[in-house]
Structure formats: C-alpha cells, structure tokens
Amino acid sequence: MKAFAMLGIGKTGWIEKERPACGPMDAICRPIALAPCTSDVHTVWEGALGDRHDMVLGHEAVGEVVEVGNMVKDFKPGDRVIVPAITPDWNSLEAQAGFPMHSGGMLAGWKFSNFKDGVFAEYFHVNDADGNLALLPEGMDPAAACMIADMVPTGFHGVELADVQFGDTVVVVGIGPVGLMSVAGAVLRGAGRLFAVGSRPNCVKIAKEYGATDIINYHEGDIADQILEKTNGKGVDRVIIAGGNVDTFDQAIRMLKPGGRIGNVNYLGEGDYIKIPRVAWGCGMGHKIIAGGLMPGGRLRMEKLVSLVINGRLDTSKLVTHRFEGLDQVQEALMLMKDKPRDLIKPVVTIK
C-alpha cells in the first residue's frame, strides 16, 4: 500500500508498505478524512520522540472499516467510523486504574505515529476495535468529524485537568485548534471571564465565537503581566496551556491564584526542564497545582463528543480552514501545519 512516512528526523516521503494484518479484536480501515497535527511536526522536524525510520505519520482520522477480527462485536465492513488519536488497550492494568492513555507504559496509549504506523496510508490498523471506534453519524461532515479524533478531546482534557468550575476566571494559553477547543470546553464547563492568549486574527475571531471574553496578545508584552493588570493583581482561578514552550509554565504560575490549577495539554517537543518560579509558587507551598496529561481516547469519549456536535452544543467545522481532496495531498496539508500561515487553523484531507 501507499503511505506517507517519517523517513528520519527532518525527512518525510511516500513509501510502499505491506497492508497491516488484522488481529482477532482489531479492525482495518481505509481513510475518509485525515488531518495533520502539530504533533506530527514536532515528531518529524524536532525529533521529539527520537528518530523514526519509515514510520507512517498521522493520528487523526475518520475511516471506513474494511475488515474486522472474529472477536469484534459492534463493527463490520462498510461502517464509517471516527478513530481516536489515542487507542488504549482497554484490558490493561493501567486502563483499569483509570489511566488508559498510559496502557502499556507512559504515553503508550498513543500508538499511531508514535511507535506504530499511523493513518496517512491507504489502509491503517486499529487495535481493540470495539473499544476504540465510534460510528460516524449519518450526515455528519467527515472533515468536521475528524476534529473529534484529537483536537476536541485534547482541548477538553485541558479543561478537565484544570478542573474548571462555574464562574471561574480562566486563561487559555494558545488558541490554535486545541486551544480553541479548550475555550469551547471551558465555556461548556461554566467559565465566567475567559482570557484567550493568541494573535492570529482568524484564531482570535473564532475564540470570541466560542466564548472568550478577553484576548491577550503575547506580542504586546508578558502575558502574565497583562493578565495580572486586567485582574487588578488577583490573577486567575485556572490556566489551560495549549501552546507555548517550557517557559510558559513560569507565566502560568505567576498569573495563577493560590489554590488554582494549571491543566497542560501542550506537547512539549523541545527543552529538557520546566522551570517553576520559586516565589510565585509560594516557595513550594502556594497550593498552585500543575496537572499535565494525554487525553484518554477510546470509543465512549468519541461518542459523547459526537453527542455535543449533533445536539448543537459544539460546532467543530469552525476549525477547518483548509480542505484538500485525495490521499496524495497529505504532504501539502502537513507542510501547512509546519509553516502555519496566519489564516490557518486546521487543514483536512478528504478521500472518496
């Protein structure tokens, strides 16, 4: 089969690979809609996961089932499905402990384009099909549904990690597609005042549509200083980090109230250490909690997010700014994510 792969750090290209084999609990799918991710950029051009050779890229997909194993109960060939970026092994001890995203080891629920071939191919493999696939509702746009694979659950998990409560003052740092979903999720969770940190006009516009009350432009000064000024020095209850780098945690701690929480869902592709400002952290005793996590993945989460979309609570189509047709356009779409033109939020490739 034809596949688009990481050939080595800083190198990508089209390769031929064997079609994956289907295990008894698994499924083989062909892609209907694919979306590249900034994580793919970190993986290839920053070597964030280390060197990979001929590993198929991509972890965001809507597909059609073409084969299932003999133990699969709920899916059959011809079903159109949403495939989560995180596909845990649901019978693992880690899943039973409540951390399915780490089934088999830290971050090991993230299989696609991490240590297993991803979805940018004519066919791809999904482990534990009954636990990891969700039916695509009739009439739902596959491109908009593709956002449910990763952008929505990752952004929403930032809201969960920060534990946003009714009336909280919240900051979302970074309003790319994940951050925009954190804005939308925080509003659904009951946020009061909501600061969105970003500068690209298209993202600012959509952040406001999703419910941001204030926009902080990081080009206009230190974001913690700006937010402290706007809150009369009090700071905020919750910070969701969906962009930035290892230095962003310094700003997040400084703008956070004692007793507040930081939820990080930003994939830190570079840097060896995160620095925490000692005094702003209350000399270690400020009850300023940092929680960072990979989204859980799995079928139930996909189905619940689908419910939000089909019942009019969430419009994921706003994230899709660039559309391509045909598997061979995956490379161009990925380069858009690497170059990030100012009008980009998310590109999607559809395949008939």
Protein backbone atom coordinates (compact mmCIF):
# COMPACT_ATOMS: atom_id res chain seq x y z
CA MET A 1 0.00 0.00 0.00
CA LYS A 2 0.97 3.65 -0.44
CA ALA A 3 1.82 5.58 2.74
CA PHE A 4 3.29 8.92 3.79
CA ALA A 5 6.02 8.41 6.38
CA MET A 6 8.75 9.87 8.52
CA LEU A 7 11.97 8.68 6.91
CA GLY A 8 14.20 10.12 9.64
CA ILE A 9 14.47 13.31 11.66
CA GLY A 10 13.65 16.19 9.33
CA LYS A 11 12.72 13.87 6.45
CA THR A 12 9.36 12.71 5.09
CA GLY A 13 8.25 10.96 1.92
CA TRP A 14 5.97 8.46 0.21
CA ILE A 15 6.81 4.79 0.67
CA GLU A 16 5.31 1.38 -0.10
CA LYS A 17 4.41 -0.84 2.85
CA GLU A 18 2.58 -4.08 3.42
CA ARG A 19 -1.10 -3.67 4.24
CA PRO A 20 -1.46 -4.24 8.03
CA ALA A 21 -2.78 -7.55 9.30
CA CYS A 22 -5.97 -7.72 11.35
CA GLY A 23 -5.91 -9.37 14.77
CA PRO A 24 -8.99 -11.04 16.30
CA MET A 25 -10.06 -7.91 18.25
CA ASP A 26 -8.92 -5.38 15.67
CA ALA A 27 -10.06 -3.56 12.53
CA ILE A 28 -8.50 -2.45 9.27
CA CYS A 29 -9.81 0.85 7.92
CA ARG A 30 -9.33 2.98 4.86
CA PRO A 31 -9.26 6.75 5.43
CA ILE A 32 -12.16 9.02 4.52
CA ALA A 33 -10.80 12.17 6.20
CA LEU A 34 -7.32 12.86 7.57
CA ALA A 35 -5.83 15.80 9.43
CA PRO A 36 -2.17 16.53 10.11
CA CYS A 37 -1.25 17.76 13.58
CA THR A 38 1.40 19.95 15.13
CA SER A 39 2.46 16.77 16.94
CA ASP A 40 3.50 15.36 13.55
CA VAL A 41 5.64 18.46 13.08
CA HIS A 42 7.29 18.01 16.50
CA THR A 43 7.87 14.34 15.75
CA VAL A 44 9.50 14.86 12.35
CA TRP A 45 11.29 18.18 12.49
CA GLU A 46 12.17 18.37 16.19
CA GLY A 47 12.77 14.66 16.77
CA ALA A 48 10.62 14.94 19.89
CA LEU A 49 10.12 11.18 20.12
CA GLY A 50 13.56 10.29 18.88
CA ASP A 51 14.50 9.00 15.46
CA ARG A 52 11.92 7.04 13.48
CA HIS A 53 12.51 5.37 10.11
CA ASP A 54 9.76 4.63 7.59
CA MET A 55 7.07 5.15 10.23
CA VAL A 56 3.73 6.14 8.71
CA LEU A 57 2.59 9.50 10.07
CA GLY A 58 -0.82 10.74 11.16
CA HIS A 59 -3.16 10.06 14.06
CA GLU A 60 -6.38 11.95 13.22
CA ALA A 61 -8.83 10.08 11.02
CA VAL A 62 -12.35 9.25 10.00
CA GLY A 63 -12.43 5.99 8.11
CA GLU A 64 -14.39 3.14 6.62
CA VAL A 65 -14.00 -0.32 8.11
CA VAL A 66 -12.80 -2.82 5.51
CA GLU A 67 -12.01 -5.80 7.78
CA VAL A 68 -12.65 -6.85 11.38
CA GLY A 69 -11.31 -9.64 13.55
CA ASN A 70 -13.50 -12.58 14.54
CA MET A 71 -13.93 -11.29 18.10
CA VAL A 72 -15.21 -7.82 17.09
CA LYS A 73 -18.89 -7.50 18.01
CA ASP A 74 -20.04 -3.97 17.23
CA PHE A 75 -18.45 -3.05 13.90
CA LYS A 76 -18.46 -4.54 10.43
CA PRO A 77 -17.00 -3.81 6.98
CA GLY A 78 -18.64 -0.75 5.45
CA ASP A 79 -19.15 1.09 8.75
CA ARG A 80 -17.94 4.69 8.69
CA VAL A 81 -16.13 5.45 11.92
CA ILE A 82 -14.32 8.13 13.91
CA VAL A 83 -10.92 6.89 15.03
CA PRO A 84 -9.45 8.50 18.17
CA ALA A 85 -5.82 9.57 18.12
CA ILE A 86 -5.32 7.65 21.37
CA THR A 87 -6.25 3.97 21.13
CA PRO A 88 -5.65 2.32 24.52
CA ASP A 89 -5.52 -1.36 25.31
CA TRP A 90 -8.67 -1.45 27.37
CA ASN A 91 -7.90 -4.71 29.19
CA SER A 92 -4.63 -3.32 30.57
CA LEU A 93 -4.00 -2.68 34.26
CA GLU A 94 -3.35 0.99 33.51
CA ALA A 95 -6.81 1.31 31.94
CA GLN A 96 -8.35 -0.38 34.97
CA ALA A 97 -6.52 2.13 37.18
CA GLY A 98 -8.14 5.00 35.26
CA PHE A 99 -5.24 5.92 33.01
CA PRO A 100 -5.95 4.21 29.67
CA MET A 101 -3.76 6.66 27.77
CA HIS A 102 -0.77 5.09 29.51
CA SER A 103 -1.74 1.47 28.85
CA GLY A 104 1.47 -0.46 28.37
CA GLY A 105 3.68 2.39 29.64
CA MET A 106 3.79 6.17 29.79
CA LEU A 107 2.02 7.65 26.72
CA ALA A 108 1.73 4.16 25.20
CA GLY A 109 -1.99 4.58 24.55
CA TRP A 110 -0.78 6.94 21.84
CA LYS A 111 0.19 4.38 19.24
CA PHE A 112 -0.35 5.99 15.83
CA SER A 113 2.82 7.70 14.57
CA ASN A 114 4.50 7.17 17.93
CA PHE A 115 5.64 3.55 17.83
CA LYS A 116 3.07 2.17 15.37
CA ASP A 117 2.28 3.14 11.78
CA GLY A 118 -0.23 5.97 11.59
CA VAL A 119 -3.23 6.75 9.42
CA PHE A 120 -1.65 8.52 6.41
CA ALA A 121 -1.94 5.43 4.25
CA GLU A 122 -4.35 3.56 2.02
CA TYR A 123 -5.12 1.29 4.99
CA PHE A 124 -4.47 1.50 8.72
CA HIS A 125 -4.84 -0.79 11.72
CA VAL A 126 -6.95 -0.06 14.82
CA ASN A 127 -6.38 -2.16 17.94
CA ASP A 128 -9.30 -3.15 20.18
CA ALA A 129 -11.91 -2.05 17.64
CA ASP A 130 -14.92 -2.34 19.96
CA GLY A 131 -13.19 -0.09 22.50
CA ASN A 132 -11.66 2.41 20.11
CA LEU A 133 -14.01 3.04 17.18
CA ALA A 134 -17.16 5.18 17.16
CA LEU A 135 -19.75 5.25 14.41
CA LEU A 136 -19.88 8.38 12.26
CA PRO A 137 -23.45 9.69 12.41
CA GLU A 138 -25.36 9.79 9.15
CA GLY A 139 -24.96 13.19 7.50
CA MET A 140 -22.05 14.41 9.65
CA ASP A 141 -19.30 16.06 7.60
CA PRO A 142 -16.25 13.76 7.82
CA ALA A 143 -13.88 16.76 7.85
CA ALA A 144 -15.65 18.30 10.85
CA ALA A 145 -15.87 14.86 12.49
CA CYS A 146 -12.11 14.44 12.07
CA MET A 147 -11.69 17.18 14.71
CA ILE A 148 -13.27 14.83 17.24
CA ALA A 149 -10.36 12.41 16.83
CA ASP A 150 -7.85 14.64 18.63
CA MET A 151 -8.45 18.40 18.70
CA VAL A 152 -11.70 18.30 20.66
CA PRO A 153 -10.78 15.65 23.26
CA THR A 154 -7.32 17.14 23.79
CA GLY A 155 -8.66 20.66 24.27
CA PHE A 156 -11.42 19.40 26.55
CA HIS A 157 -8.95 17.35 28.59
CA GLY A 158 -7.10 20.58 29.37
CA VAL A 159 -10.37 21.85 30.85
CA GLU A 160 -10.73 18.66 32.89
CA LEU A 161 -7.14 18.82 34.14
CA ALA A 162 -7.62 22.45 35.20
CA ASP A 163 -10.93 21.44 36.83
CA VAL A 164 -12.85 24.49 35.58
CA GLN A 165 -15.84 25.30 37.79
CA PHE A 166 -18.87 27.57 37.37
CA GLY A 167 -17.85 31.21 37.33
CA ASP A 168 -14.09 30.59 37.29
CA THR A 169 -11.78 33.11 35.68
CA VAL A 170 -9.82 31.10 33.13
CA VAL A 171 -6.85 31.65 30.84
CA VAL A 172 -6.27 29.54 27.73
CA VAL A 173 -2.69 29.94 26.51
CA GLY A 174 -2.50 29.26 22.79
CA ILE A 175 -5.55 29.38 20.53
CA GLY A 176 -4.65 27.02 17.76
CA PRO A 177 -7.20 24.23 17.23
CA VAL A 178 -6.54 22.57 20.61
CA GLY A 179 -6.68 25.88 22.46
CA LEU A 180 -9.89 26.84 20.68
CA MET A 181 -11.43 23.60 21.89
CA SER A 182 -10.21 24.43 25.40
CA VAL A 183 -12.04 27.75 25.10
CA ALA A 184 -15.22 25.98 23.97
CA GLY A 185 -14.87 23.31 26.66
CA ALA A 186 -14.25 25.84 29.43
CA VAL A 187 -17.39 27.72 28.43
CA LEU A 188 -19.41 24.48 28.48
CA ARG A 189 -17.96 23.80 31.95
CA GLY A 190 -19.20 27.18 33.20
CA ALA A 191 -16.22 29.54 32.98
CA GLY A 192 -17.00 33.16 33.75
CA ARG A 193 -14.35 35.52 32.43
CA LEU A 194 -12.15 33.79 29.89
CA PHE A 195 -8.84 35.14 28.59
CA ALA A 196 -7.61 33.64 25.30
CA VAL A 197 -3.92 34.18 24.53
CA GLY A 198 -3.09 34.46 20.85
CA SER A 199 -2.51 36.86 17.98
CA ARG A 200 -3.61 35.39 14.65
CA PRO A 201 -6.78 37.22 13.53
CA ASN A 202 -8.61 34.09 12.39
CA CYS A 203 -7.98 32.32 15.70
CA VAL A 204 -8.94 35.41 17.69
CA LYS A 205 -12.23 35.65 15.80
CA ILE A 206 -13.10 32.01 16.41
CA ALA A 207 -12.03 32.22 20.07
CA LYS A 208 -14.56 35.00 20.57
CA GLU A 209 -17.22 32.96 18.80
CA TYR A 210 -16.53 30.05 21.16
CA GLY A 211 -16.91 32.33 24.17
CA ALA A 212 -13.64 34.11 25.01
CA THR A 213 -14.36 37.39 26.78
CA ASP A 214 -10.84 38.86 26.55
CA ILE A 215 -7.96 38.46 24.10
CA ILE A 216 -4.34 38.72 25.26
CA ASN A 217 -1.78 39.32 22.52
CA TYR A 218 1.62 37.97 23.56
CA HIS A 219 3.29 40.38 21.13
CA GLU A 220 2.15 43.23 23.38
CA GLY A 221 4.07 42.15 26.48
CA ASP A 222 4.45 39.38 29.03
CA ILE A 223 1.11 37.57 29.22
CA ALA A 224 1.23 37.11 33.00
CA ASP A 225 1.84 40.83 33.48
CA GLN A 226 -1.07 41.67 31.16
CA ILE A 227 -3.48 39.32 32.95
CA LEU A 228 -2.43 40.45 36.42
CA GLU A 229 -3.05 44.04 35.34
CA LYS A 230 -6.50 43.17 33.98
CA THR A 231 -7.42 41.30 37.19
CA ASN A 232 -6.15 44.04 39.50
CA GLY A 233 -3.28 41.83 40.61
CA LYS A 234 -5.53 38.98 41.77
CA GLY A 235 -4.75 36.52 38.99
CA VAL A 236 -7.00 33.74 37.72
CA ASP A 237 -8.52 30.52 39.01
CA ARG A 238 -7.47 28.21 36.17
CA VAL A 239 -4.88 28.18 33.40
CA ILE A 240 -5.05 25.81 30.43
CA ILE A 241 -1.80 25.52 28.49
CA ALA A 242 -2.45 24.57 24.88
CA GLY A 243 0.55 26.28 23.32
CA GLY A 244 3.89 27.84 24.11
CA ASN A 245 7.01 26.10 25.39
CA VAL A 246 8.78 25.10 28.60
CA ASP A 247 8.97 28.76 29.68
CA THR A 248 5.17 29.12 29.55
CA PHE A 249 4.87 27.44 32.95
CA ASP A 250 6.67 30.37 34.57
CA GLN A 251 3.99 32.72 33.26
CA ALA A 252 1.18 30.33 34.17
CA ILE A 253 2.33 30.06 37.81
CA ARG A 254 2.68 33.84 38.10
CA MET A 255 -0.84 34.55 36.85
CA LEU A 256 -2.48 31.81 38.95
CA LYS A 257 -4.17 32.42 42.29
CA PRO A 258 -3.22 30.32 45.32
CA GLY A 259 -5.40 27.23 45.19
CA GLY A 260 -5.63 27.42 41.42
CA ARG A 261 -4.89 24.71 38.86
CA ILE A 262 -2.95 24.51 35.63
CA GLY A 263 -4.05 21.96 33.03
CA ASN A 264 -1.39 21.31 30.39
CA VAL A 265 -2.17 19.54 27.12
CA ASN A 266 0.66 21.13 25.15
CA TYR A 267 3.06 18.62 23.60
CA LEU A 268 6.47 19.91 24.66
CA GLY A 269 8.70 18.94 21.77
CA GLU A 270 11.86 20.72 22.95
CA GLY A 271 13.72 21.53 26.16
CA ASP A 272 14.98 19.37 28.98
CA TYR A 273 13.41 21.05 32.01
CA ILE A 274 10.41 23.12 33.04
CA LYS A 275 11.22 25.99 35.37
CA ILE A 276 8.84 26.86 38.18
CA PRO A 277 9.32 30.33 39.73
CA ARG A 278 10.02 29.68 43.41
CA VAL A 279 8.47 32.78 44.97
CA ALA A 280 5.42 32.89 42.66
CA TRP A 281 4.84 29.22 43.55
CA GLY A 282 4.63 30.22 47.19
CA CYS A 283 8.09 28.83 47.93
CA GLY A 284 6.60 25.43 47.22
CA MET A 285 3.57 25.98 49.48
CA GLY A 286 1.18 28.06 47.35
CA HIS A 287 -1.30 25.29 46.51
CA LYS A 288 -0.78 26.06 42.83
CA ILE A 289 -1.35 22.69 41.20
CA ILE A 290 0.11 21.62 37.85
CA ALA A 291 -1.58 18.74 36.01
CA GLY A 292 -0.47 17.60 32.57
CA GLY A 293 -1.91 14.74 30.62
CA LEU A 294 -2.58 12.97 27.36
CA MET A 295 -6.25 12.76 26.50
CA PRO A 296 -7.89 9.39 27.33
CA GLY A 297 -9.09 8.39 23.86
CA GLY A 298 -11.45 5.48 23.27
CA ARG A 299 -14.96 4.91 21.98
CA LEU A 300 -17.03 6.31 24.86
CA ARG A 301 -15.30 9.67 24.70
CA MET A 302 -15.78 9.83 20.94
CA GLU A 303 -19.48 9.04 21.28
CA LYS A 304 -20.00 11.69 23.96
CA LEU A 305 -18.25 14.33 21.87
CA VAL A 306 -20.34 13.33 18.86
CA SER A 307 -23.42 13.95 21.02
CA LEU A 308 -22.26 17.51 21.69
CA VAL A 309 -21.93 18.13 17.96
CA ILE A 310 -25.18 16.56 16.75
CA ASN A 311 -27.15 18.29 19.51
CA GLY A 312 -25.82 21.71 18.60
CA ARG A 313 -23.60 22.26 21.65
CA LEU A 314 -20.36 22.37 19.67
CA ASP A 315 -19.53 23.34 16.07
CA THR A 316 -16.24 21.72 15.06
CA SER A 317 -16.48 22.89 11.44
CA LYS A 318 -15.10 26.29 12.51
CA LEU A 319 -11.70 24.68 12.98
CA VAL A 320 -11.42 23.51 9.36
CA THR A 321 -9.92 26.31 7.31
CA HIS A 322 -8.19 24.43 4.51
CA ARG A 323 -9.62 21.45 2.61
CA PHE A 324 -7.83 19.09 0.24
CA GLU A 325 -9.00 16.07 -1.75
CA GLY A 326 -7.05 12.87 -2.30
CA LEU A 327 -4.51 10.97 -0.22
CA ASP A 328 -1.66 12.47 -2.24
CA GLN A 329 -2.49 15.89 -0.73
CA VAL A 330 -1.47 14.80 2.77
CA GLN A 331 2.05 16.10 2.25
CA GLU A 332 0.85 19.59 1.32
CA ALA A 333 -1.53 19.65 4.28
CA LEU A 334 1.27 18.63 6.67
CA MET A 335 3.53 21.38 5.34
CA LEU A 336 0.77 23.87 6.09
CA MET A 337 0.85 22.74 9.73
CA LYS A 338 4.63 23.15 9.71
CA ASP A 339 4.60 26.63 8.11
CA LYS A 340 1.42 27.87 9.87
CA PRO A 341 0.19 30.67 7.59
CA ARG A 342 -1.78 33.28 9.51
CA ASP A 343 -5.14 32.17 8.13
CA LEU A 344 -4.64 28.53 9.15
CA ILE A 345 -6.44 26.75 11.93
CA LYS A 346 -6.66 23.19 10.66
CA PRO A 347 -6.30 21.52 7.25
CA VAL A 348 -8.20 18.35 6.40
CA VAL A 349 -7.74 15.92 3.52
CA THR A 350 -10.82 14.01 2.36
CA ILE A 351 -10.63 10.78 0.34
CA LYS A 352 -13.54 9.41 -1.70
